């Protein structure tokens, strides 16, 4: 029994180290969200750090509200892509664990 707990603790520590490494890697993976047919794009990491915003100069002649809406849509698109990439990256790590249905680990 004692060896089983020790082995479980060792596996938990290894899993924690792997998760830390995966989170560090996600900080270096970028995604691009777009809106307005690519007229606005936002590049961000999978840790939601914005790296670049591109706005087509044609939009500078448009109403401020429209540009703001396009920026929001591009950000939301990038956030969805980052979440999907994060889930894909982490799913392989948690597949060996027998977690109860619906239980998710914090990433």
N, C-alpha and C. Protein backbone atom coordinates (compact mmCIF):
# COMPACT_ATOMS: atom_id res chain seq x y z
N UNK A 1 0.82 -1.19 0.00
CA UNK A 1 0.00 0.00 0.00
C UNK A 1 0.86 1.25 0.00
N UNK A 2 1.92 1.24 0.82
CA UNK A 2 2.78 2.39 0.93
C UNK A 2 3.46 2.71 -0.41
N UNK A 3 3.90 1.68 -1.12
CA UNK A 3 4.53 1.86 -2.42
C UNK A 3 3.57 2.45 -3.44
N UNK A 4 2.29 2.10 -3.34
CA UNK A 4 1.28 2.61 -4.26
C UNK A 4 1.10 4.11 -4.10
N UNK A 5 1.09 4.58 -2.88
CA UNK A 5 0.93 6.02 -2.63
C UNK A 5 2.17 6.77 -3.11
N UNK A 6 3.34 6.19 -2.84
CA UNK A 6 4.58 6.82 -3.31
C UNK A 6 4.62 6.93 -4.82
N UNK A 7 4.19 5.87 -5.49
CA UNK A 7 4.15 5.88 -6.95
C UNK A 7 3.15 6.91 -7.46
N UNK A 8 2.02 7.00 -6.80
CA UNK A 8 1.00 7.98 -7.18
C UNK A 8 1.53 9.40 -7.01
N UNK A 9 2.24 9.66 -5.93
CA UNK A 9 2.81 10.98 -5.69
C UNK A 9 3.86 11.31 -6.76
N UNK A 10 4.65 10.32 -7.14
CA UNK A 10 5.67 10.52 -8.16
C UNK A 10 5.01 10.86 -9.50
N UNK A 11 3.94 10.15 -9.84
CA UNK A 11 3.22 10.42 -11.08
C UNK A 11 2.60 11.82 -11.06
N UNK A 12 2.07 12.21 -9.92
CA UNK A 12 1.47 13.54 -9.79
C UNK A 12 2.53 14.63 -9.98
N UNK A 13 3.71 14.42 -9.43
CA UNK A 13 4.79 15.39 -9.58
C UNK A 13 5.24 15.47 -11.04
N UNK A 14 5.34 14.32 -11.71
CA UNK A 14 5.71 14.31 -13.12
C UNK A 14 4.67 15.03 -13.96
N UNK A 15 3.40 14.79 -13.64
CA UNK A 15 2.31 15.45 -14.36
C UNK A 15 2.39 16.95 -14.16
N UNK A 16 2.67 17.39 -12.95
CA UNK A 16 2.77 18.82 -12.66
C UNK A 16 3.91 19.45 -13.47
N UNK A 17 5.04 18.76 -13.56
CA UNK A 17 6.17 19.26 -14.33
C UNK A 17 5.83 19.34 -15.81
N UNK A 18 5.12 18.33 -16.33
CA UNK A 18 4.72 18.33 -17.73
C UNK A 18 3.74 19.46 -18.01
N UNK A 19 2.82 19.70 -17.10
CA UNK A 19 1.85 20.78 -17.29
C UNK A 19 2.55 22.14 -17.29
N UNK A 20 3.52 22.33 -16.42
CA UNK A 20 4.27 23.58 -16.38
C UNK A 20 5.00 23.79 -17.70
N UNK A 21 5.62 22.72 -18.20
CA UNK A 21 6.34 22.81 -19.47
C UNK A 21 5.36 23.13 -20.61
N UNK A 22 4.20 22.49 -20.62
CA UNK A 22 3.21 22.74 -21.66
C UNK A 22 2.70 24.18 -21.60
N UNK A 23 2.48 24.71 -20.40
CA UNK A 23 2.03 26.09 -20.26
C UNK A 23 3.09 27.06 -20.75
N UNK A 24 4.35 26.77 -20.48
CA UNK A 24 5.44 27.61 -20.98
C UNK A 24 5.47 27.59 -22.51
N UNK A 25 5.24 26.42 -23.09
CA UNK A 25 5.22 26.31 -24.55
C UNK A 25 4.05 27.08 -25.15
N UNK A 26 2.89 27.06 -24.48
CA UNK A 26 1.72 27.77 -24.98
C UNK A 26 1.97 29.27 -25.05
N UNK A 27 2.82 29.78 -24.19
CA UNK A 27 3.14 31.21 -24.20
C UNK A 27 3.88 31.59 -25.48
N UNK A 28 4.45 30.60 -26.17
CA UNK A 28 5.20 30.87 -27.40
C UNK A 28 4.41 30.53 -28.67
N UNK A 29 3.24 29.93 -28.52
CA UNK A 29 2.41 29.60 -29.68
C UNK A 29 1.47 30.77 -29.95
N UNK A 30 1.45 31.24 -31.20
CA UNK A 30 0.58 32.36 -31.54
C UNK A 30 -0.56 31.91 -32.45
N UNK A 31 -1.65 32.63 -32.36
CA UNK A 31 -2.81 32.43 -33.23
C UNK A 31 -3.19 33.81 -33.77
N UNK A 32 -3.91 33.81 -34.89
CA UNK A 32 -4.37 35.06 -35.49
C UNK A 32 -5.87 35.02 -35.59
N UNK A 33 -6.52 36.03 -35.02
CA UNK A 33 -7.96 36.19 -35.15
C UNK A 33 -8.24 37.31 -36.14
N UNK A 34 -9.29 37.14 -36.94
CA UNK A 34 -9.60 38.13 -37.96
C UNK A 34 -11.07 38.52 -37.93
N UNK A 35 -11.33 39.69 -38.49
CA UNK A 35 -12.70 40.13 -38.71
C UNK A 35 -12.71 41.04 -39.94
N UNK A 36 -13.90 41.31 -40.44
CA UNK A 36 -14.02 42.18 -41.60
C UNK A 36 -13.32 41.62 -42.82
N UNK A 37 -13.36 40.29 -42.97
CA UNK A 37 -12.71 39.68 -44.13
C UNK A 37 -11.20 39.86 -44.12
N UNK A 38 -10.62 39.93 -42.93
CA UNK A 38 -9.17 40.09 -42.82
C UNK A 38 -8.72 41.54 -42.73
N UNK A 39 -9.67 42.47 -42.72
CA UNK A 39 -9.30 43.89 -42.64
C UNK A 39 -8.73 44.24 -41.25
N UNK A 40 -9.13 43.46 -40.26
CA UNK A 40 -8.58 43.61 -38.91
C UNK A 40 -8.08 42.24 -38.48
N UNK A 41 -6.85 42.19 -37.97
CA UNK A 41 -6.34 40.93 -37.43
C UNK A 41 -5.58 41.21 -36.14
N UNK A 42 -5.68 40.24 -35.25
CA UNK A 42 -4.99 40.32 -33.96
C UNK A 42 -4.19 39.04 -33.80
N UNK A 43 -2.91 39.20 -33.54
CA UNK A 43 -2.03 38.07 -33.26
C UNK A 43 -1.80 38.03 -31.76
N UNK A 44 -2.05 36.86 -31.17
CA UNK A 44 -1.87 36.72 -29.73
C UNK A 44 -1.35 35.33 -29.40
N UNK A 45 -0.77 35.21 -28.20
CA UNK A 45 -0.29 33.91 -27.76
C UNK A 45 -1.46 33.12 -27.18
N UNK A 46 -1.22 31.84 -26.94
CA UNK A 46 -2.25 31.01 -26.32
C UNK A 46 -2.39 31.31 -24.83
N UNK A 47 -1.62 32.25 -24.33
CA UNK A 47 -1.76 32.74 -22.96
C UNK A 47 -2.46 34.10 -22.97
N UNK A 48 -3.09 34.44 -24.12
CA UNK A 48 -3.87 35.67 -24.31
C UNK A 48 -3.06 36.96 -24.20
N UNK A 49 -1.81 36.92 -24.62
CA UNK A 49 -0.99 38.12 -24.68
C UNK A 49 -0.98 38.61 -26.13
N UNK A 50 -1.51 39.80 -26.36
CA UNK A 50 -1.58 40.34 -27.71
C UNK A 50 -0.18 40.76 -28.16
N UNK A 51 0.19 40.30 -29.35
CA UNK A 51 1.51 40.61 -29.90
C UNK A 51 1.44 41.64 -31.03
N UNK A 52 0.33 41.63 -31.78
CA UNK A 52 0.25 42.52 -32.94
C UNK A 52 -1.22 42.76 -33.31
N UNK A 53 -1.51 43.98 -33.73
CA UNK A 53 -2.83 44.33 -34.27
C UNK A 53 -2.60 44.95 -35.64
N UNK A 54 -3.33 44.44 -36.64
CA UNK A 54 -3.24 44.98 -38.00
C UNK A 54 -4.61 45.52 -38.38
N UNK A 55 -4.64 46.77 -38.84
CA UNK A 55 -5.88 47.41 -39.27
C UNK A 55 -5.66 47.94 -40.68
N UNK A 56 -6.49 47.50 -41.62
CA UNK A 56 -6.40 47.99 -42.99
C UNK A 56 -6.70 49.49 -42.98
N UNK A 57 -5.88 50.28 -43.69
CA UNK A 57 -6.05 51.73 -43.63
C UNK A 57 -7.40 52.20 -44.17
N UNK A 58 -8.05 51.41 -44.98
CA UNK A 58 -9.38 51.76 -45.49
C UNK A 58 -10.34 52.03 -44.33
N UNK A 59 -10.14 51.31 -43.23
CA UNK A 59 -11.05 51.43 -42.09
C UNK A 59 -10.89 52.75 -41.34
N UNK A 60 -9.80 53.45 -41.55
CA UNK A 60 -9.61 54.73 -40.86
C UNK A 60 -10.58 55.79 -41.34
N UNK A 61 -11.18 55.55 -42.49
CA UNK A 61 -12.17 56.49 -43.02
C UNK A 61 -13.59 56.12 -42.58
N UNK A 62 -13.73 55.01 -41.87
CA UNK A 62 -15.04 54.54 -41.42
C UNK A 62 -15.36 55.11 -40.04
N UNK A 63 -16.57 54.85 -39.61
CA UNK A 63 -16.99 55.30 -38.28
C UNK A 63 -16.21 54.58 -37.19
N UNK A 64 -15.96 55.29 -36.12
CA UNK A 64 -15.22 54.76 -34.98
C UNK A 64 -15.91 53.51 -34.42
N UNK A 65 -17.22 53.53 -34.33
CA UNK A 65 -17.97 52.38 -33.78
C UNK A 65 -17.74 51.12 -34.59
N UNK A 66 -17.67 51.26 -35.89
CA UNK A 66 -17.45 50.09 -36.75
C UNK A 66 -16.06 49.50 -36.50
N UNK A 67 -15.05 50.35 -36.42
CA UNK A 67 -13.70 49.88 -36.15
C UNK A 67 -13.62 49.20 -34.79
N UNK A 68 -14.26 49.77 -33.79
CA UNK A 68 -14.27 49.16 -32.46
C UNK A 68 -14.91 47.78 -32.49
N UNK A 69 -16.03 47.66 -33.22
CA UNK A 69 -16.71 46.35 -33.34
C UNK A 69 -15.82 45.33 -34.04
N UNK A 70 -15.10 45.75 -35.07
CA UNK A 70 -14.20 44.83 -35.78
C UNK A 70 -13.04 44.41 -34.89
N UNK A 71 -12.53 45.31 -34.07
CA UNK A 71 -11.46 44.95 -33.13
C UNK A 71 -11.95 43.93 -32.11
N UNK A 72 -13.14 44.14 -31.60
CA UNK A 72 -13.71 43.19 -30.63
C UNK A 72 -13.90 41.82 -31.28
N UNK A 73 -14.44 41.81 -32.49
CA UNK A 73 -14.67 40.54 -33.19
C UNK A 73 -13.35 39.82 -33.46
N UNK A 74 -12.31 40.56 -33.85
CA UNK A 74 -11.01 39.94 -34.11
C UNK A 74 -10.41 39.39 -32.83
N UNK A 75 -10.53 40.14 -31.75
CA UNK A 75 -10.00 39.65 -30.47
C UNK A 75 -10.73 38.38 -30.04
N UNK A 76 -12.05 38.37 -30.14
CA UNK A 76 -12.83 37.19 -29.74
C UNK A 76 -12.48 35.99 -30.61
N UNK A 77 -12.24 36.21 -31.90
CA UNK A 77 -11.83 35.13 -32.78
C UNK A 77 -10.48 34.58 -32.35
N UNK A 78 -9.54 35.45 -32.05
CA UNK A 78 -8.21 35.02 -31.60
C UNK A 78 -8.31 34.26 -30.28
N UNK A 79 -9.14 34.73 -29.36
CA UNK A 79 -9.30 34.06 -28.06
C UNK A 79 -9.87 32.65 -28.24
N UNK A 80 -10.84 32.49 -29.14
CA UNK A 80 -11.40 31.16 -29.42
C UNK A 80 -10.34 30.23 -30.01
N UNK A 81 -9.55 30.75 -30.93
CA UNK A 81 -8.49 29.94 -31.54
C UNK A 81 -7.43 29.54 -30.50
N UNK A 82 -7.09 30.46 -29.61
CA UNK A 82 -6.10 30.16 -28.57
C UNK A 82 -6.64 29.09 -27.63
N UNK A 83 -7.91 29.18 -27.27
CA UNK A 83 -8.53 28.19 -26.38
C UNK A 83 -8.53 26.82 -27.05
N UNK A 84 -8.87 26.78 -28.34
CA UNK A 84 -8.88 25.51 -29.06
C UNK A 84 -7.48 24.90 -29.11
N UNK A 85 -6.47 25.73 -29.41
CA UNK A 85 -5.09 25.26 -29.47
C UNK A 85 -4.63 24.76 -28.11
N UNK A 86 -5.02 25.45 -27.04
CA UNK A 86 -4.67 25.04 -25.68
C UNK A 86 -5.29 23.69 -25.35
N UNK A 87 -6.57 23.52 -25.66
CA UNK A 87 -7.26 22.26 -25.39
C UNK A 87 -6.61 21.12 -26.16
N UNK A 88 -6.26 21.37 -27.42
CA UNK A 88 -5.60 20.33 -28.23
C UNK A 88 -4.26 19.95 -27.63
N UNK A 89 -3.52 20.95 -27.19
CA UNK A 89 -2.20 20.71 -26.62
C UNK A 89 -2.28 19.92 -25.32
N UNK A 90 -3.24 20.25 -24.49
CA UNK A 90 -3.34 19.63 -23.17
C UNK A 90 -4.09 18.29 -23.19
N UNK A 91 -4.89 18.04 -24.21
CA UNK A 91 -5.70 16.82 -24.22
C UNK A 91 -4.84 15.57 -24.23
N UNK A 92 -3.73 15.61 -24.94
CA UNK A 92 -2.83 14.46 -24.97
C UNK A 92 -2.24 14.16 -23.61
N UNK A 93 -2.00 15.20 -22.83
CA UNK A 93 -1.41 15.02 -21.52
C UNK A 93 -2.38 14.39 -20.53
N UNK A 94 -3.65 14.76 -20.62
CA UNK A 94 -4.62 14.26 -19.65
C UNK A 94 -5.31 12.98 -20.10
N UNK A 95 -5.02 12.51 -21.32
CA UNK A 95 -5.73 11.33 -21.82
C UNK A 95 -5.41 10.08 -21.01
N UNK A 96 -4.23 10.00 -20.42
CA UNK A 96 -3.87 8.82 -19.63
C UNK A 96 -4.47 8.81 -18.24
N UNK A 97 -5.01 9.93 -17.82
CA UNK A 97 -5.64 10.00 -16.50
C UNK A 97 -7.07 9.53 -16.61
N UNK A 98 -7.55 8.82 -15.64
CA UNK A 98 -8.93 8.38 -15.64
C UNK A 98 -9.76 9.38 -14.84
N UNK A 99 -9.97 10.55 -15.43
CA UNK A 99 -10.74 11.59 -14.77
C UNK A 99 -12.23 11.30 -14.93
N UNK A 100 -13.02 11.64 -13.91
CA UNK A 100 -14.47 11.48 -14.05
C UNK A 100 -15.00 12.35 -15.18
N UNK A 101 -16.09 11.94 -15.83
CA UNK A 101 -16.66 12.73 -16.92
C UNK A 101 -16.96 14.15 -16.46
N UNK A 102 -16.59 15.10 -17.30
CA UNK A 102 -16.85 16.50 -17.01
C UNK A 102 -15.79 17.19 -16.16
N UNK A 103 -14.90 16.45 -15.58
CA UNK A 103 -13.85 17.04 -14.75
C UNK A 103 -12.73 17.54 -15.65
N UNK A 104 -12.34 18.79 -15.46
CA UNK A 104 -11.28 19.38 -16.25
C UNK A 104 -10.18 19.86 -15.30
N UNK A 105 -8.96 19.78 -15.78
CA UNK A 105 -7.85 20.31 -15.01
C UNK A 105 -7.66 21.78 -15.38
N UNK A 106 -7.22 22.61 -14.44
CA UNK A 106 -7.00 24.02 -14.77
C UNK A 106 -5.75 24.18 -15.62
N UNK A 107 -5.87 24.90 -16.73
CA UNK A 107 -4.72 25.14 -17.60
C UNK A 107 -4.41 26.58 -17.52
